[in-house]
Protein backbone atom coordinates (compact mmCIF):
# COMPACT_ATOMS: atom_id res chain seq x y z
CA MET A 1 -83.19 12.20 58.36
CA ASN A 2 -82.13 9.48 60.78
CA THR A 3 -78.57 10.35 61.80
CA GLN A 4 -77.90 7.19 63.78
CA ASN A 5 -74.72 5.45 62.58
CA LYS A 6 -73.87 8.41 60.35
CA ASN A 7 -70.26 9.53 60.35
CA ALA A 8 -68.95 13.07 60.02
CA VAL A 9 -65.40 14.32 59.61
CA VAL A 10 -64.63 17.96 60.39
CA VAL A 11 -61.08 18.90 59.43
CA GLY A 12 -60.23 22.05 61.34
CA ALA A 13 -62.52 21.21 64.26
CA THR A 14 -60.33 23.01 66.80
CA GLY A 15 -61.03 26.44 65.29
CA ASN A 16 -63.92 28.70 66.25
CA LEU A 17 -66.01 27.70 63.23
CA GLY A 18 -64.96 24.06 63.00
CA GLY A 19 -65.57 23.57 66.70
CA ALA A 20 -69.11 24.90 66.44
CA ILE A 21 -69.80 22.66 63.43
CA ALA A 22 -68.43 19.57 65.17
CA LYS A 23 -70.44 20.31 68.31
CA THR A 24 -73.66 20.86 66.37
CA LEU A 25 -73.18 17.67 64.35
CA THR A 26 -72.64 15.71 67.56
CA HIS A 27 -75.81 17.15 69.09
CA ALA A 28 -77.67 16.20 65.90
CA GLY A 29 -76.66 12.56 66.37
CA TYR A 30 -73.68 12.25 64.04
CA SER A 31 -70.58 10.37 65.08
CA VAL A 32 -67.82 12.97 64.59
CA HIS A 33 -64.41 11.46 63.86
CA PRO A 34 -62.24 12.17 66.93
CA THR A 35 -58.89 12.54 65.13
CA TRP A 36 -59.49 16.22 64.35
CA LEU A 37 -61.13 17.21 67.63
CA THR A 38 -57.99 17.75 69.73
CA GLU A 39 -55.15 20.25 69.52
CA ASP A 40 -52.67 17.48 68.64
CA HIS A 41 -54.56 16.71 65.43
CA PRO A 42 -52.61 15.82 62.26
CA ASP A 43 -51.30 18.41 59.81
CA ALA A 44 -54.11 19.07 57.32
CA THR A 45 -51.59 19.75 54.56
CA LYS A 46 -49.98 16.29 54.72
CA GLU A 47 -51.17 13.35 52.63
CA GLU A 48 -50.59 10.83 55.42
CA SER A 49 -52.91 12.75 57.75
CA TYR A 50 -55.96 11.32 55.97
CA GLN A 51 -55.14 7.64 56.32
CA ASP A 52 -57.22 7.26 59.49
CA LEU A 53 -60.72 8.04 58.23
CA PRO A 54 -63.97 6.15 58.97
CA ASN A 55 -64.92 3.38 56.55
CA THR A 56 -67.98 5.41 55.59
CA ILE A 57 -68.37 9.18 55.63
CA HIS A 58 -71.78 10.82 55.34
CA VAL A 59 -70.63 14.41 55.91
CA ALA A 60 -67.15 15.80 55.26
CA ILE A 61 -66.30 19.42 56.06
CA TYR A 62 -62.99 21.19 55.43
CA CYS A 63 -62.56 24.26 57.67
CA PRO A 64 -58.83 25.07 58.05
CA GLY A 65 -57.79 28.56 57.03
CA ALA A 66 -54.55 30.51 56.85
CA ASN A 67 -53.99 34.14 55.96
CA ILE A 68 -50.92 36.35 55.69
CA VAL A 69 -51.59 40.08 55.39
CA LYS A 70 -48.74 41.56 53.38
CA GLU A 71 -48.16 43.49 50.18
CA THR A 72 -47.94 41.14 47.20
CA GLU A 73 -44.46 42.32 46.26
CA SER A 74 -43.25 41.48 49.78
CA LEU A 75 -44.88 38.05 50.04
CA SER A 76 -42.32 35.25 49.92
CA LEU A 77 -42.82 32.05 47.99
CA ASP A 78 -42.78 30.09 51.26
CA GLU A 79 -45.58 32.28 52.63
CA TRP A 80 -47.59 31.89 49.43
CA ASN A 81 -47.10 28.11 49.50
CA HIS A 82 -48.11 27.90 53.16
CA VAL A 83 -51.44 29.68 52.64
CA LEU A 84 -52.27 27.64 49.54
CA ALA A 85 -51.30 24.41 51.31
CA VAL A 86 -53.67 25.06 54.21
CA ASN A 87 -56.57 26.57 52.29
CA LEU A 88 -56.54 24.56 49.07
CA THR A 89 -54.11 21.62 48.93
CA GLY A 90 -55.38 20.22 52.22
CA ALA A 91 -58.93 20.29 50.88
CA PHE A 92 -57.80 18.36 47.80
CA LEU A 93 -56.03 15.75 49.92
CA PHE A 94 -59.06 15.40 52.16
CA ALA A 95 -61.46 15.13 49.24
CA ARG A 96 -59.33 12.50 47.53
CA ALA A 97 -59.06 10.37 50.68
CA ALA A 98 -62.71 10.82 51.66
CA PHE A 99 -64.17 10.02 48.23
CA PRO A 100 -64.30 6.19 48.42
CA ARG A 101 -65.76 6.41 51.92
CA MET A 102 -68.39 8.92 50.84
CA LYS A 103 -69.19 6.81 47.81
CA LYS A 104 -69.66 3.81 50.09
CA ALA A 105 -71.97 5.77 52.39
CA GLY A 106 -74.15 7.00 49.52
CA HIS A 107 -76.05 10.32 49.50
CA SER A 108 -73.20 12.05 51.30
CA THR A 109 -72.19 15.70 51.49
CA PHE A 110 -68.83 17.44 51.03
CA ILE A 111 -68.60 21.04 52.29
CA THR A 112 -65.83 23.64 52.04
CA ILE A 113 -65.51 27.12 53.53
CA SER A 114 -64.60 30.02 51.23
CA SER A 115 -64.64 33.76 51.87
CA ILE A 116 -66.37 36.87 50.60
CA ASN A 117 -62.86 38.10 49.81
CA VAL A 118 -63.05 36.06 46.59
CA THR A 119 -65.54 38.50 45.11
CA HIS A 120 -64.83 41.49 47.38
CA PRO A 121 -61.10 41.28 48.11
CA TYR A 122 -59.30 43.36 50.69
CA PRO A 123 -55.78 44.53 49.85
CA ARG A 124 -52.66 42.62 50.93
CA ARG A 125 -54.34 39.22 50.94
CA VAL A 126 -53.33 37.82 47.56
CA ALA A 127 -52.57 34.26 48.68
CA TYR A 128 -55.73 34.03 50.76
CA VAL A 129 -57.97 35.29 47.97
CA ALA A 130 -56.33 33.09 45.31
CA SER A 131 -56.55 29.98 47.48
CA LYS A 132 -60.19 30.53 48.36
CA ALA A 133 -61.07 31.12 44.71
CA GLY A 134 -59.38 27.83 43.91
CA LEU A 135 -61.36 26.15 46.67
CA GLU A 136 -64.60 27.30 45.09
CA GLY A 137 -63.48 25.85 41.77
CA LEU A 138 -62.54 22.57 43.45
CA THR A 139 -65.96 22.30 45.05
CA ARG A 140 -67.78 22.95 41.78
CA GLU A 141 -65.63 20.48 39.83
CA LEU A 142 -66.24 17.74 42.39
CA ALA A 143 -70.00 18.27 42.06
CA VAL A 144 -69.76 17.37 38.38
CA GLU A 145 -67.42 14.44 38.96
CA TRP A 146 -69.06 12.96 42.05
CA GLY A 147 -72.75 13.53 41.37
CA GLN A 148 -73.12 10.11 39.77
CA PHE A 149 -72.20 8.56 43.13
CA GLY A 150 -74.81 10.45 45.12
CA ILE A 151 -72.29 12.90 46.59
CA ALA A 152 -73.33 16.57 46.76
CA THR A 153 -70.78 19.33 47.24
CA HIS A 154 -71.34 22.80 48.65
CA CYS A 155 -69.08 25.79 49.26
CA ILE A 156 -69.96 28.39 51.88
CA ARG A 157 -68.61 31.81 50.87
CA LEU A 158 -68.47 33.19 54.36
CA GLY A 159 -68.89 36.78 55.49
CA HIS A 160 -67.54 38.22 58.73
CA LEU A 161 -67.78 36.03 61.78
CA SER A 162 -68.11 37.56 65.22
CA LYS A 163 -64.63 36.18 65.93
CA PHE A 164 -61.54 36.26 63.74
CA MET A 165 -59.76 33.11 62.65
CA LYS A 166 -57.28 31.98 65.28
CA ALA A 167 -54.48 32.86 62.87
CA THR A 168 -55.70 36.45 62.45
CA PRO A 169 -54.81 39.10 65.06
CA PRO A 170 -57.91 40.83 66.48
CA ASN A 171 -58.61 44.33 65.19
CA PRO A 172 -61.48 46.04 67.04
CA GLU A 173 -61.43 49.13 64.80
CA PHE A 174 -61.77 46.96 61.70
CA LEU A 175 -64.71 45.05 63.19
CA LYS A 176 -66.41 48.32 64.16
CA ALA A 177 -66.06 49.63 60.60
CA VAL A 178 -67.44 46.37 59.19
CA SER A 179 -70.42 46.41 61.56
CA GLN A 180 -71.40 49.84 60.26
CA LYS A 181 -71.71 48.37 56.75
CA ILE A 182 -73.88 45.42 57.84
CA PRO A 183 -77.52 46.54 57.55
CA SER A 184 -78.55 44.53 60.60
CA GLY A 185 -75.35 45.36 62.47
CA ARG A 186 -75.09 41.68 63.31
CA PHE A 187 -72.03 39.57 62.64
CA ILE A 188 -72.30 35.90 61.71
CA GLU A 189 -72.02 33.55 64.67
CA PRO A 190 -70.24 30.20 64.15
CA GLU A 191 -73.44 28.49 65.28
CA ASP A 192 -75.30 30.14 62.38
CA VAL A 193 -72.98 28.40 59.94
CA ALA A 194 -73.19 25.14 61.86
CA SER A 195 -77.00 25.15 61.56
CA TYR A 196 -76.69 25.62 57.81
CA VAL A 197 -74.21 22.74 57.60
CA ILE A 198 -76.71 20.50 59.37
CA TRP A 199 -79.41 21.55 56.92
CA LEU A 200 -77.16 20.64 53.99
CA ALA A 201 -76.10 17.36 55.59
CA GLU A 202 -79.69 16.32 56.19
CA GLY A 203 -80.73 16.90 52.59
CA GLY A 204 -82.11 20.41 52.84
CA ALA A 205 -80.61 21.16 49.42
CA LYS A 206 -80.80 17.67 47.94
CA ALA A 207 -81.62 19.04 44.49
CA VAL A 208 -78.52 21.26 44.55
CA SER A 209 -74.82 20.47 44.16
CA GLY A 210 -71.79 22.55 43.27
CA SER A 211 -73.33 25.62 44.87
CA VAL A 212 -71.36 28.55 46.25
CA ILE A 213 -73.59 30.27 48.76
CA ASP A 214 -72.96 33.87 49.85
CA PHE A 215 -73.41 33.34 53.57
CA ASP A 216 -73.44 37.02 54.41
CA PRO A 217 -75.92 39.48 56.01
CA ALA A 218 -75.90 41.86 53.01
CA TYR A 219 -72.49 43.34 53.89
CA MET A 220 -71.18 42.67 50.39
CA ILE A 221 -74.09 44.30 48.59
CA ASN A 222 -74.50 47.31 50.85
CA ARG A 223 -73.50 50.28 48.70
CA ASN A 224 -75.26 52.92 50.78
CA PRO A 225 -72.92 55.96 50.44
CA LEU A 226 -74.24 57.53 53.64
CA ILE A 227 -72.94 54.73 55.84
C-alpha cells in the first residue's frame, strides 16, 4: 500500500507501546499527528482534546492505559472512574471524533489495545479488567456500525510486554514468574505489536473487522502443571 499522504493518529504515543507504534508508522511513511507525540499532550479523557485532528485519518490507534491494583472492596469510586475514563471513555471520545475523518479517508483502520486480563484476570484489578472488556465490546460494535463506510476495527488483546506500563510499578519477581509460564520464555516487545499494527493498517486483514486478537506467546493457554 502506498502510504504517502496517509495520516495516522496514535493517542498514548508517549508510552512504551504507543511510542513504538508511532515510530514504526513514521518509518513506514505515515504522517503521524504531532499533538500526541510530546509529554504535554492533551488529556485523553477530555472531549475537547480531540478537536485538533487531521481532516482525514487513515489509521487511528488508542493506546492509553491506567491500572490501580487494590482489593475491590477498597477501591474508591474516584479510582474506578479514573481507570474507566482512561481505558474506555477516552477511546469512545476518540472514536466519535475520528469517525468523520476516517469516513472521509475511506478504507481506514481503528485499533484499540486490550489485555489478556479480560479472559485471564489477576486479582485486585477489577476496574482495569472491566474497562478493557468494555473496550473489546466497543471495538466490535464499531465494526458493525462503521463497516458500511469502509472502516475496519481491530482490538489487540495484549499479553505481557517486556516493559510494564508507565503507570505500573516494576516487579521483577512477577516478571520472572510470568516468563516461566511462557513456552518460548520470550516477552512481547513493543516493536512486535507495532509491526502487527502496520500489517493491519496496510490491509493485511482487509477481510476481517471487529476482531479481538490474542496477541500472546501461548502464556494464556499454557496449563503445563510441571512449570
